[in-house]
């Protein structure tokens, strides 16, 4: 077990590898490797496990009765998966979670995770902060999905990111592929729409950066 990897996790924020190893010394846990496109949590499965990603990348998704699938969030090294569901009254995963590449996850059973949180107040604070951040991100994601046009999705994301950072220049979140998955659109369609908005001087697209040139025009897109 490489405890230095866990220093990247929100759960163990502010702790050294040695401190993390000490905290886990009497807490039951296990690690599991998943191949690409393998499911970690199934939708509505009983939520008895909480994971920390040690390697790789996963995506949460929502399936609908008509067969449609909406990609919700992408989580990577250091991120926690399943805490809100496992600690909820309902006790079921609302979304499925599947791997986007070979992934290794550190897993805790619900009871073990609660025991871990009781060992150090910083862990409980970090976990609450992470769950709150995920909840806020899901609220923003829901609002994003309410927009049907790709230009509207782009406008919403850029305006939201600019407001949070206070800057007119926004970084693409990881890669065009990752961003397209977040927006629930195809990568080619996203690229074409960015170039079109660039041509209209609403933004300047020079990957990995996008500079907002006309914020009022982007806001107008959201009202159409």
C-alpha atoms as a PDB file:
ATOM      1  CA  UNK A   1       0.000   0.000   0.000  1.00  0.00           C
ATOM      2  CA  UNK A   2       1.495   3.344  -1.099  1.00  0.00           C
ATOM      3  CA  UNK A   3       0.239   5.716   1.574  1.00  0.00           C
ATOM      4  CA  UNK A   4       1.798   8.738  -0.135  1.00  0.00           C
ATOM      5  CA  UNK A   5      -0.886   8.443  -2.834  1.00  0.00           C
ATOM      6  CA  UNK A   6      -3.507   9.059  -0.163  1.00  0.00           C
ATOM      7  CA  UNK A   7      -1.945  12.450   0.579  1.00  0.00           C
ATOM      8  CA  UNK A   8      -3.692  13.557  -2.644  1.00  0.00           C
ATOM      9  CA  UNK A   9      -7.109  12.586  -1.279  1.00  0.00           C
ATOM     10  CA  UNK A  10      -9.590  15.122   0.039  1.00  0.00           C
ATOM     11  CA  UNK A  11     -10.278  12.709   2.872  1.00  0.00           C
ATOM     12  CA  UNK A  12      -6.699  12.850   4.186  1.00  0.00           C
ATOM     13  CA  UNK A  13      -6.020  16.485   3.296  1.00  0.00           C
ATOM     14  CA  UNK A  14      -3.332  18.006   5.510  1.00  0.00           C
ATOM     15  CA  UNK A  15      -1.953  14.642   6.644  1.00  0.00           C
ATOM     16  CA  UNK A  16       1.376  12.971   5.882  1.00  0.00           C
ATOM     17  CA  UNK A  17       1.749   9.431   4.563  1.00  0.00           C
ATOM     18  CA  UNK A  18       3.041   8.372   7.980  1.00  0.00           C
ATOM     19  CA  UNK A  19       0.007   9.846   9.756  1.00  0.00           C
ATOM     20  CA  UNK A  20      -2.347   8.171   7.268  1.00  0.00           C
ATOM     21  CA  UNK A  21      -0.651   4.808   7.754  1.00  0.00           C
ATOM     22  CA  UNK A  22      -1.038   5.172  11.526  1.00  0.00           C
ATOM     23  CA  UNK A  23      -4.735   6.059  11.217  1.00  0.00           C
ATOM     24  CA  UNK A  24      -5.404   3.019   9.037  1.00  0.00           C
ATOM     25  CA  UNK A  25      -3.362   0.604  11.153  1.00  0.00           C
ATOM     26  CA  UNK A  26      -6.408  -0.873  12.918  1.00  0.00           C
ATOM     27  CA  UNK A  27      -9.116  -0.029  10.350  1.00  0.00           C
ATOM     28  CA  UNK A  28     -10.266  -2.854   8.025  1.00  0.00           C
ATOM     29  CA  UNK A  29      -9.917  -1.966   4.345  1.00  0.00           C
ATOM     30  CA  UNK A  30      -9.091  -3.645   1.060  1.00  0.00           C
ATOM     31  CA  UNK A  31      -7.913  -2.596  -2.380  1.00  0.00           C
ATOM     32  CA  UNK A  32      -9.392  -3.760  -5.656  1.00  0.00           C
ATOM     33  CA  UNK A  33      -8.343  -3.376  -9.271  1.00  0.00           C
ATOM     34  CA  UNK A  34     -10.928  -2.817 -12.013  1.00  0.00           C
ATOM     35  CA  UNK A  35     -10.475  -3.083 -15.754  1.00  0.00           C
ATOM     36  CA  UNK A  36     -11.701  -0.395 -18.153  1.00  0.00           C
ATOM     37  CA  UNK A  37     -15.520  -0.221 -18.459  1.00  0.00           C
ATOM     38  CA  UNK A  38     -16.011  -2.326 -15.331  1.00  0.00           C
ATOM     39  CA  UNK A  39     -18.781  -1.335 -12.923  1.00  0.00           C
ATOM     40  CA  UNK A  40     -17.833  -0.470  -9.344  1.00  0.00           C
ATOM     41  CA  UNK A  41     -21.277   0.513  -8.036  1.00  0.00           C
ATOM     42  CA  UNK A  42     -24.567  -0.354  -9.741  1.00  0.00           C
ATOM     43  CA  UNK A  43     -27.510   2.102  -9.686  1.00  0.00           C
ATOM     44  CA  UNK A  44     -29.748   1.474  -6.652  1.00  0.00           C
ATOM     45  CA  UNK A  45     -27.345  -1.160  -5.272  1.00  0.00           C
ATOM     46  CA  UNK A  46     -27.178  -1.216  -1.467  1.00  0.00           C
ATOM     47  CA  UNK A  47     -24.507   1.336  -0.581  1.00  0.00           C
ATOM     48  CA  UNK A  48     -22.258  -0.495   1.817  1.00  0.00           C
ATOM     49  CA  UNK A  49     -18.869   0.585   0.427  1.00  0.00           C
ATOM     50  CA  UNK A  50     -16.926   3.840   0.191  1.00  0.00           C
ATOM     51  CA  UNK A  51     -13.873   4.112  -2.014  1.00  0.00           C
ATOM     52  CA  UNK A  52     -10.826   6.295  -2.524  1.00  0.00           C
ATOM     53  CA  UNK A  53      -9.358   6.199  -6.029  1.00  0.00           C
ATOM     54  CA  UNK A  54      -5.674   5.244  -5.939  1.00  0.00           C
ATOM     55  CA  UNK A  55      -5.149   5.009  -9.679  1.00  0.00           C
ATOM     56  CA  UNK A  56      -7.254   5.593 -12.783  1.00  0.00           C
ATOM     57  CA  UNK A  57     -10.512   7.394 -13.505  1.00  0.00           C
ATOM     58  CA  UNK A  58     -14.205   6.630 -13.042  1.00  0.00           C
ATOM     59  CA  UNK A  59     -17.484   8.101 -14.226  1.00  0.00           C
ATOM     60  CA  UNK A  60     -20.831   8.197 -12.478  1.00  0.00           C
ATOM     61  CA  UNK A  61     -23.922   7.884 -14.648  1.00  0.00           C
ATOM     62  CA  UNK A  62     -27.705   7.833 -14.434  1.00  0.00           C
ATOM     63  CA  UNK A  63     -29.814   5.381 -16.433  1.00  0.00           C
ATOM     64  CA  UNK A  64     -33.418   6.162 -17.351  1.00  0.00           C
ATOM     65  CA  UNK A  65     -36.276   3.729 -18.166  1.00  0.00           C
ATOM     66  CA  UNK A  66     -36.213   4.778 -21.835  1.00  0.00           C
ATOM     67  CA  UNK A  67     -32.616   3.579 -22.107  1.00  0.00           C
ATOM     68  CA  UNK A  68     -31.002   7.016 -22.069  1.00  0.00           C
ATOM     69  CA  UNK A  69     -27.845   7.494 -20.038  1.00  0.00           C
ATOM     70  CA  UNK A  70     -26.628  10.786 -18.586  1.00  0.00           C
ATOM     71  CA  UNK A  71     -22.987  11.062 -17.540  1.00  0.00           C
ATOM     72  CA  UNK A  72     -22.880  12.878 -14.222  1.00  0.00           C
ATOM     73  CA  UNK A  73     -19.326  13.350 -12.903  1.00  0.00           C
ATOM     74  CA  UNK A  74     -15.799  12.125 -13.520  1.00  0.00           C
ATOM     75  CA  UNK A  75     -13.658  11.263 -10.504  1.00  0.00           C
ATOM     76  CA  UNK A  76      -9.911  10.653 -10.498  1.00  0.00           C
ATOM     77  CA  UNK A  77      -6.958   9.908  -8.181  1.00  0.00           C
ATOM     78  CA  UNK A  78      -7.611  11.021  -4.605  1.00  0.00           C
ATOM     79  CA  UNK A  79     -11.354  11.450  -5.051  1.00  0.00           C
ATOM     80  CA  UNK A  80     -13.869   9.657  -2.823  1.00  0.00           C
ATOM     81  CA  UNK A  81     -16.701   7.635  -4.349  1.00  0.00           C
ATOM     82  CA  UNK A  82     -19.927   6.631  -2.634  1.00  0.00           C
ATOM     83  CA  UNK A  83     -19.745   8.508   0.713  1.00  0.00           C
ATOM     84  CA  UNK A  84     -23.048  10.382   0.504  1.00  0.00           C
ATOM     85  CA  UNK A  85     -24.978   7.287  -0.555  1.00  0.00           C
ATOM     86  CA  UNK A  86     -23.385   5.010   2.042  1.00  0.00           C
ATOM     87  CA  UNK A  87     -24.068   7.473   4.856  1.00  0.00           C
ATOM     88  CA  UNK A  88     -27.602   8.353   3.717  1.00  0.00           C
ATOM     89  CA  UNK A  89     -30.858   7.095   5.214  1.00  0.00           C
ATOM     90  CA  UNK A  90     -31.795   5.482   1.880  1.00  0.00           C
ATOM     91  CA  UNK A  91     -28.507   3.582   1.788  1.00  0.00           C
ATOM     92  CA  UNK A  92     -28.465   3.049  -1.992  1.00  0.00           C
ATOM     93  CA  UNK A  93     -26.260   4.396  -4.754  1.00  0.00           C
ATOM     94  CA  UNK A  94     -28.360   6.843  -6.834  1.00  0.00           C
ATOM     95  CA  UNK A  95     -25.881   6.596  -9.726  1.00  0.00           C
ATOM     96  CA  UNK A  96     -23.844   3.850 -11.274  1.00  0.00           C
ATOM     97  CA  UNK A  97     -20.058   4.202 -11.198  1.00  0.00           C
ATOM     98  CA  UNK A  98     -17.907   2.627 -13.921  1.00  0.00           C
ATOM     99  CA  UNK A  99     -14.230   2.867 -14.837  1.00  0.00           C
ATOM    100  CA  UNK A 100     -12.938   4.856 -17.801  1.00  0.00           C
ATOM    101  CA  UNK A 101      -9.542   3.130 -17.614  1.00  0.00           C
ATOM    102  CA  UNK A 102      -7.716   0.602 -15.451  1.00  0.00           C
ATOM    103  CA  UNK A 103      -8.483   1.731 -11.905  1.00  0.00           C
ATOM    104  CA  UNK A 104      -7.420   0.808  -8.384  1.00  0.00           C
ATOM    105  CA  UNK A 105      -9.667   1.696  -5.452  1.00  0.00           C
ATOM    106  CA  UNK A 106      -9.110   1.611  -1.698  1.00  0.00           C
ATOM    107  CA  UNK A 107     -12.388   0.357  -0.221  1.00  0.00           C
ATOM    108  CA  UNK A 108     -13.929   0.704   3.223  1.00  0.00           C
ATOM    109  CA  UNK A 109     -17.073  -0.926   4.488  1.00  0.00           C
ATOM    110  CA  UNK A 110     -19.519   1.624   5.856  1.00  0.00           C
ATOM    111  CA  UNK A 111     -18.863   0.665   9.498  1.00  0.00           C
ATOM    112  CA  UNK A 112     -15.093   0.819   9.022  1.00  0.00           C
ATOM    113  CA  UNK A 113     -15.353   4.220   7.376  1.00  0.00           C
ATOM    114  CA  UNK A 114     -17.354   5.577  10.317  1.00  0.00           C
ATOM    115  CA  UNK A 115     -14.758   4.190  12.731  1.00  0.00           C
ATOM    116  CA  UNK A 116     -12.046   5.946  10.721  1.00  0.00           C
ATOM    117  CA  UNK A 117     -13.859   9.293  10.879  1.00  0.00           C
ATOM    118  CA  UNK A 118     -14.122   9.009  14.658  1.00  0.00           C
ATOM    119  CA  UNK A 119     -10.346   8.649  15.011  1.00  0.00           C
ATOM    120  CA  UNK A 120      -9.470  12.194  13.960  1.00  0.00           C
ATOM    121  CA  UNK A 121     -11.745  15.282  13.763  1.00  0.00           C
ATOM    122  CA  UNK A 122      -9.887  16.374  10.620  1.00  0.00           C
ATOM    123  CA  UNK A 123     -11.148  13.299   8.774  1.00  0.00           C
ATOM    124  CA  UNK A 124     -14.777  14.049   9.644  1.00  0.00           C
ATOM    125  CA  UNK A 125     -14.326  17.680   8.590  1.00  0.00           C
ATOM    126  CA  UNK A 126     -12.667  16.678   5.315  1.00  0.00           C
ATOM    127  CA  UNK A 127     -15.382  14.110   4.571  1.00  0.00           C
ATOM    128  CA  UNK A 128     -18.177  16.623   5.219  1.00  0.00           C
ATOM    129  CA  UNK A 129     -16.408  19.171   3.029  1.00  0.00           C
ATOM    130  CA  UNK A 130     -16.055  16.638   0.215  1.00  0.00           C
ATOM    131  CA  UNK A 131     -19.692  15.521   0.408  1.00  0.00           C
ATOM    132  CA  UNK A 132     -20.841  19.165   0.411  1.00  0.00           C
ATOM    133  CA  UNK A 133     -18.643  19.909  -2.614  1.00  0.00           C
ATOM    134  CA  UNK A 134     -20.049  16.899  -4.476  1.00  0.00           C
ATOM    135  CA  UNK A 135     -23.612  17.987  -3.653  1.00  0.00           C
ATOM    136  CA  UNK A 136     -22.928  21.500  -4.954  1.00  0.00           C
ATOM    137  CA  UNK A 137     -21.299  20.101  -8.091  1.00  0.00           C
ATOM    138  CA  UNK A 138     -24.325  17.871  -8.741  1.00  0.00           C
ATOM    139  CA  UNK A 139     -26.646  20.864  -8.402  1.00  0.00           C
ATOM    140  CA  UNK A 140     -24.596  22.714 -11.017  1.00  0.00           C
ATOM    141  CA  UNK A 141     -24.529  19.597 -13.195  1.00  0.00           C
ATOM    142  CA  UNK A 142     -28.322  19.348 -13.014  1.00  0.00           C
ATOM    143  CA  UNK A 143     -28.648  22.968 -14.110  1.00  0.00           C
ATOM    144  CA  UNK A 144     -26.203  22.342 -16.952  1.00  0.00           C
ATOM    145  CA  UNK A 145     -28.267  19.402 -18.202  1.00  0.00           C
ATOM    146  CA  UNK A 146     -31.371  21.587 -18.281  1.00  0.00           C
ATOM    147  CA  UNK A 147     -29.905  23.367 -21.292  1.00  0.00           C
ATOM    148  CA  UNK A 148     -30.433  21.562 -24.599  1.00  0.00           C
ATOM    149  CA  UNK A 149     -28.163  23.479 -26.972  1.00  0.00           C
ATOM    150  CA  UNK A 150     -24.436  22.807 -26.913  1.00  0.00           C
ATOM    151  CA  UNK A 151     -23.841  26.569 -27.139  1.00  0.00           C
ATOM    152  CA  UNK A 152     -25.974  27.007 -23.995  1.00  0.00           C
ATOM    153  CA  UNK A 153     -24.040  24.293 -22.150  1.00  0.00           C
ATOM    154  CA  UNK A 154     -20.763  25.966 -23.089  1.00  0.00           C
ATOM    155  CA  UNK A 155     -22.050  29.386 -22.050  1.00  0.00           C
ATOM    156  CA  UNK A 156     -23.321  28.115 -18.695  1.00  0.00           C
ATOM    157  CA  UNK A 157     -20.086  26.289 -17.883  1.00  0.00           C
ATOM    158  CA  UNK A 158     -17.851  29.217 -18.854  1.00  0.00           C
ATOM    159  CA  UNK A 159     -19.899  31.807 -16.973  1.00  0.00           C
ATOM    160  CA  UNK A 160     -20.066  29.585 -13.890  1.00  0.00           C
ATOM    161  CA  UNK A 161     -16.307  28.881 -13.926  1.00  0.00           C
ATOM    162  CA  UNK A 162     -15.508  32.560 -14.549  1.00  0.00           C
ATOM    163  CA  UNK A 163     -17.700  33.635 -11.639  1.00  0.00           C
ATOM    164  CA  UNK A 164     -15.992  31.160  -9.305  1.00  0.00           C
ATOM    165  CA  UNK A 165     -12.456  32.188 -10.297  1.00  0.00           C
ATOM    166  CA  UNK A 166     -13.093  35.890 -10.894  1.00  0.00           C
ATOM    167  CA  UNK A 167     -11.230  35.616 -14.204  1.00  0.00           C
ATOM    168  CA  UNK A 168     -12.346  35.873 -17.825  1.00  0.00           C
ATOM    169  CA  UNK A 169     -10.065  33.012 -18.864  1.00  0.00           C
ATOM    170  CA  UNK A 170     -11.294  29.481 -18.117  1.00  0.00           C
ATOM    171  CA  UNK A 171      -9.268  26.290 -18.354  1.00  0.00           C
ATOM    172  CA  UNK A 172     -10.760  23.259 -20.086  1.00  0.00           C
ATOM    173  CA  UNK A 173     -11.411  20.689 -17.303  1.00  0.00           C
ATOM    174  CA  UNK A 174      -8.716  18.126 -18.026  1.00  0.00           C
ATOM    175  CA  UNK A 175      -9.243  17.488 -21.724  1.00  0.00           C
ATOM    176  CA  UNK A 176     -11.789  18.018 -24.484  1.00  0.00           C
ATOM    177  CA  UNK A 177     -12.882  14.398 -24.098  1.00  0.00           C
ATOM    178  CA  UNK A 178     -13.437  14.798 -20.363  1.00  0.00           C
ATOM    179  CA  UNK A 179     -15.285  18.071 -20.878  1.00  0.00           C
ATOM    180  CA  UNK A 180     -17.514  16.522 -23.548  1.00  0.00           C
ATOM    181  CA  UNK A 181     -18.398  13.690 -21.155  1.00  0.00           C
ATOM    182  CA  UNK A 182     -19.283  16.219 -18.468  1.00  0.00           C
ATOM    183  CA  UNK A 183     -21.508  18.105 -20.918  1.00  0.00           C
ATOM    184  CA  UNK A 184     -23.059  14.862 -22.197  1.00  0.00           C
ATOM    185  CA  UNK A 185     -22.210  15.751 -25.804  1.00  0.00           C
ATOM    186  CA  UNK A 186     -19.819  14.318 -28.376  1.00  0.00           C
ATOM    187  CA  UNK A 187     -16.280  15.665 -28.554  1.00  0.00           C
ATOM    188  CA  UNK A 188     -16.535  16.662 -32.257  1.00  0.00           C
ATOM    189  CA  UNK A 189     -19.817  18.528 -31.631  1.00  0.00           C
ATOM    190  CA  UNK A 190     -18.307  20.386 -28.676  1.00  0.00           C
ATOM    191  CA  UNK A 191     -15.252  21.348 -30.726  1.00  0.00           C
ATOM    192  CA  UNK A 192     -17.353  22.593 -33.657  1.00  0.00           C
ATOM    193  CA  UNK A 193     -19.541  24.724 -31.388  1.00  0.00           C
ATOM    194  CA  UNK A 194     -16.508  26.248 -29.675  1.00  0.00           C
ATOM    195  CA  UNK A 195     -15.059  27.202 -33.049  1.00  0.00           C
ATOM    196  CA  UNK A 196     -18.415  28.706 -34.081  1.00  0.00           C
ATOM    197  CA  UNK A 197     -18.616  30.822 -30.925  1.00  0.00           C
ATOM    198  CA  UNK A 198     -14.997  31.804 -31.472  1.00  0.00           C
ATOM    199  CA  UNK A 199     -15.895  32.928 -34.998  1.00  0.00           C
ATOM    200  CA  UNK A 200     -18.681  35.079 -33.579  1.00  0.00           C
ATOM    201  CA  UNK A 201     -16.181  36.718 -31.170  1.00  0.00           C
ATOM    202  CA  UNK A 202     -18.060  35.527 -28.079  1.00  0.00           C
ATOM    203  CA  UNK A 203     -14.937  33.727 -26.889  1.00  0.00           C
ATOM    204  CA  UNK A 204     -11.382  32.941 -27.927  1.00  0.00           C
ATOM    205  CA  UNK A 205     -10.617  29.227 -27.986  1.00  0.00           C
ATOM    206  CA  UNK A 206      -6.927  28.337 -27.663  1.00  0.00           C
ATOM    207  CA  UNK A 207      -6.810  24.983 -25.885  1.00  0.00           C
ATOM    208  CA  UNK A 208      -6.441  24.423 -23.028  1.00  0.00           C
ATOM    209  CA  UNK A 209      -7.772  27.941 -22.380  1.00  0.00           C
ATOM    210  CA  UNK A 210     -10.969  29.719 -23.320  1.00  0.00           C
ATOM    211  CA  UNK A 211     -11.172  33.474 -22.937  1.00  0.00           C
ATOM    212  CA  UNK A 212     -14.617  35.002 -22.539  1.00  0.00           C
ATOM    213  CA  UNK A 213     -14.841  38.000 -24.879  1.00  0.00           C
ATOM    214  CA  UNK A 214     -18.541  38.841 -24.603  1.00  0.00           C
ATOM    215  CA  UNK A 215     -20.103  37.719 -21.316  1.00  0.00           C
ATOM    216  CA  UNK A 216     -23.437  39.527 -21.947  1.00  0.00           C
ATOM    217  CA  UNK A 217     -23.818  37.659 -25.247  1.00  0.00           C
ATOM    218  CA  UNK A 218     -23.177  34.329 -23.483  1.00  0.00           C
ATOM    219  CA  UNK A 219     -25.755  35.234 -20.836  1.00  0.00           C
ATOM    220  CA  UNK A 220     -28.208  36.021 -23.634  1.00  0.00           C
ATOM    221  CA  UNK A 221     -27.682  32.509 -25.026  1.00  0.00           C
ATOM    222  CA  UNK A 222     -28.971  31.081 -21.749  1.00  0.00           C
ATOM    223  CA  UNK A 223     -32.226  33.008 -22.102  1.00  0.00           C
ATOM    224  CA  UNK A 224     -33.060  31.988 -25.649  1.00  0.00           C
END
